[in-house]
Amino acid sequence: MKNDIDLIDVAIVNEELLIITAEKLLSEAGDNLTRRGEAINQVCKMLYELNDMVKSEIYISDLSKRFHLTKKLFTDKLKALRDTSRQTDEEIGSLELPEGVDEMMVKKLGFFSHHGKYYFITKDGLFKASNFIIKPLFHIYSKSDNKRLVEISNEHGFKRILDIPSKSFVSIEQFQQAVFGEGNYIFFGTKVHFMKILEHISNDFPVCNELKTLGWQREGFYAFSNGIFNGKWQQADEFGITEHKRSKYFSPAFSVVYSDVREDDDEYENDRYFIFQQSPVSFAEWTRLMIDVYGEKAIIAIAFLIASVFRDLIYEKYKIFPHLFLFGEKQSGKS
């Protein structure tokens, strides 16, 4: 009995969410024809997922009145979705899918991946759309250098990890150029095929912020190329990713994406030297040894070193920071 109640509650929540989302989409679209068309498409997809013709008719009638739209706009789109689904079911029913392929997912998506290839369902049978598949890794968010990290693996078992500008994903030609430049990775499908794949994988890119300048970060941690320190040391993973307060950060200098780059073509060459290494000598031991060797002269050097670490804070307050100038006889310990 409890399970039945739970199912009813879930259904109610889903229908309420459908109504709220539909109202939000149509309200935000306003009088913009393009956005209104996209909103109607999204609403019809939700009505199709509802899989209840009676309720769909009620919602369509209500929405069309409130937003001054004809019912035909909704019913035609909904009919097209049902016809496409029915056609896909018939096409899949006549095919023998490879072992391990989820038939329900194929019905939903219209395609599947198998042994390093994408296949699409057509009225003429299976269409091989590529000789490789795409595994989404990370979305490196930036206003000026927005890109995606992906792993591509082809039917021959060869894999590459690469970064591709986000804008290249919306152009099949630019995307093909990017992947083909890495080896035998070819897409045979159309833009429609590619966009279906892109829609399927787009939600699987965790968002990261790129660490363009190493050192102290305003989010409250210190960044090295091989990790971050935020009270405790956190080593970057193989992709150069670390996490601080539920946000991810990307250090390209320590990522496998750029590990095979030649020295004369390495834009992160200098950053690779800025790494954290655990010192065998503590700061207290070092200061004691400095004083043992140089006596009171060492106090100035130690004080200047500490000040240099916080130079930005000192300069911000006093608008000045001194240069260290040591003078004396040769071998007197200036260095």
Protein backbone atom coordinates (compact mmCIF):
# COMPACT_ATOMS: atom_id res chain seq x y z
CA MET A 1 0.00 0.00 0.00
CA LYS A 2 2.83 2.41 0.90
CA ASN A 3 4.56 1.79 -2.42
CA ASP A 4 1.33 2.71 -4.28
CA ILE A 5 1.12 5.97 -2.31
CA ASP A 6 4.76 6.76 -3.08
CA LEU A 7 4.13 6.24 -6.79
CA ILE A 8 1.10 8.55 -6.68
CA ASP A 9 3.15 11.23 -4.87
CA VAL A 10 5.91 10.98 -7.48
CA ALA A 11 3.34 11.33 -10.28
CA ILE A 12 1.83 14.42 -8.64
CA VAL A 13 5.26 16.01 -8.20
CA ASN A 14 6.17 15.30 -11.84
CA GLU A 15 2.93 16.83 -13.12
CA GLU A 16 3.34 19.91 -10.92
CA LEU A 17 6.90 20.28 -12.17
CA LEU A 18 5.66 19.97 -15.75
CA ILE A 19 3.13 22.79 -15.26
CA ILE A 20 5.62 25.07 -13.47
CA THR A 21 8.32 24.47 -16.10
CA ALA A 22 5.90 24.97 -19.00
CA GLU A 23 4.65 28.27 -17.56
CA LYS A 24 8.21 29.47 -16.96
CA LEU A 25 9.38 28.58 -20.49
CA LEU A 26 6.42 30.23 -22.21
CA SER A 27 6.52 33.34 -19.98
CA GLU A 28 10.24 33.89 -20.57
CA ALA A 29 9.80 33.40 -24.33
CA GLY A 30 7.40 36.36 -24.48
CA ASP A 31 6.74 37.55 -28.04
CA ASN A 32 10.09 36.32 -29.39
CA LEU A 33 9.06 33.87 -32.13
CA THR A 34 12.25 31.80 -32.00
CA ARG A 35 12.21 31.43 -28.22
CA ARG A 36 8.47 30.75 -28.24
CA GLY A 37 8.97 27.96 -30.78
CA GLU A 38 11.74 26.44 -28.64
CA ALA A 39 9.53 26.71 -25.55
CA ILE A 40 6.64 24.90 -27.29
CA ASN A 41 9.04 22.14 -28.39
CA GLN A 42 10.27 21.69 -24.80
CA VAL A 43 6.72 21.64 -23.41
CA CYS A 44 5.66 19.04 -25.99
CA LYS A 45 8.62 16.85 -25.08
CA MET A 46 7.49 16.92 -21.45
CA LEU A 47 3.90 16.15 -22.43
CA TYR A 48 5.15 13.25 -24.53
CA GLU A 49 7.11 11.88 -21.55
CA LEU A 50 3.92 12.19 -19.45
CA ASN A 51 2.42 9.51 -21.73
CA ASP A 52 -1.21 10.40 -20.89
CA MET A 53 -3.25 11.71 -23.84
CA VAL A 54 -6.20 12.89 -21.70
CA LYS A 55 -4.05 14.95 -19.35
CA SER A 56 -1.98 16.23 -22.27
CA GLU A 57 -5.16 17.58 -23.90
CA ILE A 58 -6.15 19.35 -20.66
CA TYR A 59 -2.72 20.96 -20.25
CA ILE A 60 -2.60 22.01 -23.92
CA SER A 61 -6.04 23.62 -23.66
CA ASP A 62 -5.05 25.51 -20.51
CA LEU A 63 -1.65 26.69 -21.81
CA SER A 64 -3.00 27.75 -25.19
CA LYS A 65 -5.65 29.95 -23.53
CA ARG A 66 -3.30 31.56 -21.03
CA PHE A 67 -0.57 32.33 -23.54
CA HIS A 68 -2.85 33.07 -26.50
CA LEU A 69 -1.55 30.21 -28.63
CA THR A 70 -3.47 27.87 -30.91
CA LYS A 71 -3.86 24.29 -29.70
CA LYS A 72 -2.66 23.13 -33.13
CA LEU A 73 0.89 24.36 -32.39
CA PHE A 74 1.06 21.91 -29.50
CA THR A 75 -0.91 19.01 -31.00
CA ASP A 76 1.06 18.97 -34.29
CA LYS A 77 4.40 18.87 -32.47
CA LEU A 78 3.15 16.22 -30.05
CA LYS A 79 1.86 14.09 -32.95
CA ALA A 80 5.24 14.38 -34.70
CA LEU A 81 7.01 13.16 -31.56
CA ARG A 82 4.64 10.19 -31.22
CA ASP A 83 4.98 9.32 -34.92
CA THR A 84 8.79 9.47 -34.67
CA SER A 85 8.73 7.28 -31.57
CA ARG A 86 6.40 4.76 -33.24
CA GLN A 87 8.60 4.67 -36.33
CA THR A 88 11.71 4.18 -34.17
CA ASP A 89 10.01 1.33 -32.28
CA GLU A 90 9.17 -0.35 -35.58
CA GLU A 91 12.69 0.12 -36.90
CA ILE A 92 14.26 -1.21 -33.71
CA GLY A 93 11.83 -4.13 -33.68
CA SER A 94 13.12 -5.21 -37.08
CA LEU A 95 16.77 -4.98 -36.01
CA GLU A 96 18.97 -7.31 -34.02
CA LEU A 97 20.86 -5.06 -31.63
CA PRO A 98 24.33 -6.08 -30.40
CA GLU A 99 24.48 -7.91 -27.08
CA GLY A 100 24.64 -5.53 -24.11
CA VAL A 101 22.95 -2.60 -25.87
CA ASP A 102 20.03 -1.16 -23.87
CA GLU A 103 16.98 -1.27 -26.15
CA MET A 104 15.08 1.28 -24.04
CA MET A 105 17.92 3.79 -24.35
CA VAL A 106 18.12 3.19 -28.09
CA LYS A 107 14.38 3.94 -28.38
CA LYS A 108 14.85 7.12 -26.37
CA LEU A 109 17.98 8.40 -28.14
CA GLY A 110 17.69 6.92 -31.62
CA PHE A 111 21.34 5.81 -31.53
CA PHE A 112 23.84 3.80 -29.47
CA SER A 113 27.59 3.28 -29.13
CA HIS A 114 29.24 -0.11 -29.53
CA HIS A 115 32.91 -1.12 -29.82
CA GLY A 116 34.13 2.44 -30.37
CA LYS A 117 31.48 3.44 -32.93
CA TYR A 118 28.18 5.34 -32.97
CA TYR A 119 25.23 3.71 -34.75
CA PHE A 120 21.94 5.43 -35.65
CA ILE A 121 18.63 3.71 -36.26
CA THR A 122 17.21 4.40 -39.74
CA LYS A 123 14.43 2.90 -41.86
CA ASP A 124 17.15 1.19 -43.90
CA GLY A 125 18.81 -0.36 -40.85
CA LEU A 126 21.84 0.63 -38.79
CA PHE A 127 23.89 3.59 -39.95
CA LYS A 128 27.51 3.81 -38.76
CA ALA A 129 27.94 7.51 -37.93
CA SER A 130 31.55 7.43 -36.71
CA ASN A 131 34.57 5.24 -36.09
CA PHE A 132 35.04 6.70 -32.59
CA ILE A 133 33.06 7.62 -29.49
CA ILE A 134 33.29 10.64 -27.18
CA LYS A 135 33.69 10.43 -23.41
CA PRO A 136 32.98 13.81 -21.73
CA LEU A 137 35.49 14.77 -19.02
CA PHE A 138 35.27 18.44 -18.00
CA HIS A 139 33.91 21.81 -19.09
CA ILE A 140 36.62 24.43 -18.56
CA TYR A 141 34.52 27.54 -18.09
CA SER A 142 35.81 30.93 -19.19
CA LYS A 143 34.39 34.02 -20.86
CA SER A 144 37.37 34.21 -23.21
CA ASP A 145 38.69 30.62 -23.49
CA ASN A 146 35.71 28.31 -22.97
CA LYS A 147 36.55 24.69 -23.82
CA ARG A 148 35.76 21.03 -23.16
CA LEU A 149 38.06 18.18 -22.19
CA VAL A 150 37.07 14.93 -23.89
CA GLU A 151 38.48 11.46 -24.38
CA ILE A 152 37.98 10.05 -27.86
CA SER A 153 38.53 6.35 -28.53
CA ASN A 154 38.18 4.73 -31.95
CA GLU A 155 37.17 1.28 -33.11
CA HIS A 156 40.82 0.20 -33.18
CA GLY A 157 41.30 0.93 -29.46
CA PHE A 158 43.36 4.12 -29.85
CA LYS A 159 42.55 6.87 -27.33
CA ARG A 160 43.37 10.55 -27.07
CA ILE A 161 42.52 13.18 -24.48
CA LEU A 162 42.17 16.66 -25.91
CA ASP A 163 40.72 20.07 -25.24
CA ILE A 164 38.34 21.49 -27.82
CA PRO A 165 36.95 25.04 -27.80
CA SER A 166 33.25 24.93 -26.90
CA LYS A 167 32.40 26.91 -30.04
CA SER A 168 33.89 24.10 -32.16
CA PHE A 169 31.30 21.68 -30.78
CA VAL A 170 28.47 23.52 -32.54
CA SER A 171 30.23 23.20 -35.89
CA ILE A 172 30.59 19.67 -37.22
CA GLU A 173 33.34 20.84 -39.60
CA GLN A 174 35.46 22.41 -36.83
CA PHE A 175 34.93 19.44 -34.55
CA GLN A 176 35.95 17.00 -37.30
CA GLN A 177 39.11 19.04 -37.93
CA ALA A 178 39.99 18.97 -34.23
CA VAL A 179 39.62 15.20 -33.79
CA PHE A 180 41.08 14.20 -37.15
CA GLY A 181 44.18 16.17 -36.26
CA GLU A 182 44.76 13.61 -33.49
CA GLY A 183 44.59 10.51 -35.71
CA ASN A 184 42.04 8.13 -37.24
CA TYR A 185 38.90 9.71 -35.81
CA ILE A 186 36.23 10.28 -38.46
CA PHE A 187 32.57 11.30 -38.22
CA PHE A 188 30.45 10.09 -41.16
CA GLY A 189 27.09 11.46 -40.00
CA THR A 190 25.27 14.73 -40.58
CA LYS A 191 24.96 17.73 -38.27
CA VAL A 192 21.65 16.30 -37.01
CA HIS A 193 23.39 13.08 -35.95
CA PHE A 194 26.16 15.02 -34.24
CA MET A 195 23.75 17.32 -32.39
CA LYS A 196 21.87 14.31 -31.01
CA ILE A 197 25.12 12.94 -29.61
CA LEU A 198 26.06 16.37 -28.26
CA GLU A 199 22.67 16.75 -26.56
CA HIS A 200 23.13 13.35 -24.91
CA ILE A 201 26.62 14.03 -23.49
CA SER A 202 26.32 17.76 -22.69
CA ASN A 203 25.06 17.26 -19.13
CA ASP A 204 28.03 15.02 -18.29
CA PHE A 205 30.68 17.77 -18.29
CA PRO A 206 31.50 18.88 -14.70
CA VAL A 207 32.32 22.60 -14.75
CA CYS A 208 35.89 23.67 -13.83
CA ASN A 209 37.68 27.01 -13.57
CA GLU A 210 41.09 27.22 -15.20
CA LEU A 211 44.00 28.40 -13.03
CA LYS A 212 45.50 30.88 -15.47
CA THR A 213 47.72 32.55 -12.86
CA LEU A 214 49.32 30.40 -10.17
CA GLY A 215 49.79 31.56 -6.59
CA TRP A 216 47.19 32.97 -4.20
CA GLN A 217 43.59 32.71 -5.45
CA ARG A 218 40.74 34.95 -4.29
CA GLU A 219 38.65 31.85 -3.51
CA GLY A 220 40.94 31.21 -0.54
CA PHE A 221 43.72 28.82 -1.57
CA TYR A 222 47.24 28.82 -2.96
CA ALA A 223 47.68 27.21 -6.38
CA PHE A 224 50.73 25.35 -7.63
CA SER A 225 50.83 23.64 -11.02
CA ASN A 226 50.63 20.22 -9.34
CA GLY A 227 47.92 20.99 -6.75
CA ILE A 228 46.47 23.46 -4.27
CA PHE A 229 46.94 24.25 -0.59
CA ASN A 230 43.82 25.32 1.33
CA GLY A 231 44.86 24.36 4.85
CA LYS A 232 45.94 20.97 3.62
CA TRP A 233 47.72 19.83 0.49
CA GLN A 234 45.58 18.48 -2.37
CA GLN A 235 47.39 16.85 -5.27
CA ALA A 236 45.98 17.45 -8.76
CA ASP A 237 44.68 14.31 -10.48
CA GLU A 238 45.88 13.06 -13.87
CA PHE A 239 43.68 15.61 -15.65
CA GLY A 240 45.07 18.48 -13.54
CA ILE A 241 41.83 18.82 -11.54
CA THR A 242 41.54 19.80 -7.86
CA GLU A 243 38.53 20.79 -5.77
CA HIS A 244 37.94 23.58 -3.25
CA LYS A 245 34.57 24.23 -1.55
CA ARG A 246 32.72 22.05 -4.09
CA SER A 247 34.19 23.93 -7.05
CA LYS A 248 36.66 22.29 -9.42
CA TYR A 249 39.85 23.91 -10.71
CA PHE A 250 41.96 22.97 -13.71
CA SER A 251 45.74 23.27 -13.88
CA PRO A 252 46.73 22.68 -17.54
CA ALA A 253 50.45 22.49 -16.74
CA PHE A 254 49.90 19.28 -14.76
CA SER A 255 47.31 17.68 -17.07
CA VAL A 256 47.81 14.60 -19.25
CA VAL A 257 46.19 16.63 -22.03
CA TYR A 258 49.46 18.52 -22.52
CA SER A 259 51.94 15.90 -21.32
CA ASP A 260 53.06 14.95 -24.85
CA VAL A 261 53.57 18.51 -26.08
CA ARG A 262 57.06 19.22 -27.44
CA GLU A 263 59.16 21.71 -25.46
CA ASP A 264 59.26 24.19 -28.34
CA ASP A 265 55.43 24.14 -28.51
CA ASP A 266 54.67 24.12 -24.78
CA GLU A 267 52.82 27.24 -23.60
CA TYR A 268 52.87 25.94 -19.99
CA GLU A 269 56.63 25.29 -19.86
CA ASN A 270 57.34 27.88 -17.14
CA ASP A 271 54.36 26.84 -15.01
CA ARG A 272 55.70 23.29 -14.79
CA TYR A 273 58.53 24.55 -12.56
CA PHE A 274 56.08 26.08 -10.07
CA ILE A 275 55.36 22.89 -8.14
CA PHE A 276 54.91 22.09 -4.48
CA GLN A 277 57.53 19.77 -2.98
CA GLN A 278 57.66 18.74 0.67
CA SER A 279 60.87 20.14 2.13
CA PRO A 280 62.99 17.87 4.33
CA VAL A 281 63.82 20.96 6.43
CA SER A 282 61.18 22.88 8.41
CA PHE A 283 61.07 26.69 8.43
CA ALA A 284 62.12 26.75 12.09
CA GLU A 285 65.15 24.55 11.37
CA TRP A 286 66.11 26.71 8.39
CA THR A 287 66.00 29.96 10.42
CA ARG A 288 68.09 28.39 13.19
CA LEU A 289 70.72 27.23 10.68
CA MET A 290 70.80 30.67 9.03
CA ILE A 291 71.50 32.33 12.38
CA ASP A 292 74.09 29.69 13.28
CA VAL A 293 75.97 30.44 10.05
CA TYR A 294 75.45 34.22 9.63
CA GLY A 295 74.65 35.38 13.13
CA GLU A 296 72.50 38.52 13.56
CA LYS A 297 72.91 39.40 9.87
CA ALA A 298 70.58 36.50 9.05
CA ILE A 299 67.67 38.17 10.91
CA ILE A 300 67.37 40.84 8.18
CA ALA A 301 67.36 38.20 5.44
CA ILE A 302 64.71 36.11 7.23
CA ALA A 303 62.51 39.15 7.88
CA PHE A 304 62.80 40.25 4.24
CA LEU A 305 61.87 36.73 3.02
CA ILE A 306 58.71 36.73 5.15
CA ALA A 307 57.80 40.24 3.96
CA SER A 308 58.33 39.20 0.33
CA VAL A 309 55.78 36.40 0.71
CA PHE A 310 53.18 39.00 1.73
CA ARG A 311 54.42 41.73 -0.60
CA ASP A 312 50.99 42.30 -2.19
CA LEU A 313 49.36 42.97 1.19
CA ILE A 314 52.15 45.29 2.36
CA TYR A 315 52.14 47.22 -0.91
CA GLU A 316 48.35 47.57 -0.85
CA LYS A 317 48.52 49.19 2.61
CA TYR A 318 51.67 51.33 2.32
CA LYS A 319 51.97 51.75 -1.49
CA ILE A 320 55.65 50.94 -1.21
CA PHE A 321 57.87 47.91 -0.76
CA PRO A 322 61.63 48.15 -0.21
CA HIS A 323 64.39 46.58 -2.24
CA LEU A 324 66.91 44.59 -0.24
CA PHE A 325 70.35 46.14 -0.64
CA LEU A 326 73.23 44.40 1.16
CA PHE A 327 76.79 45.67 1.15
CA GLY A 328 80.02 44.65 2.80
CA GLU A 329 83.32 43.02 2.21
CA LYS A 330 83.79 39.91 0.07
CA GLN A 331 82.85 36.64 1.78
CA SER A 332 80.95 38.50 4.51
CA GLY A 333 77.68 36.63 3.86
CA LYS A 334 75.72 39.03 1.62
CA SER A 335 74.44 36.23 -0.65
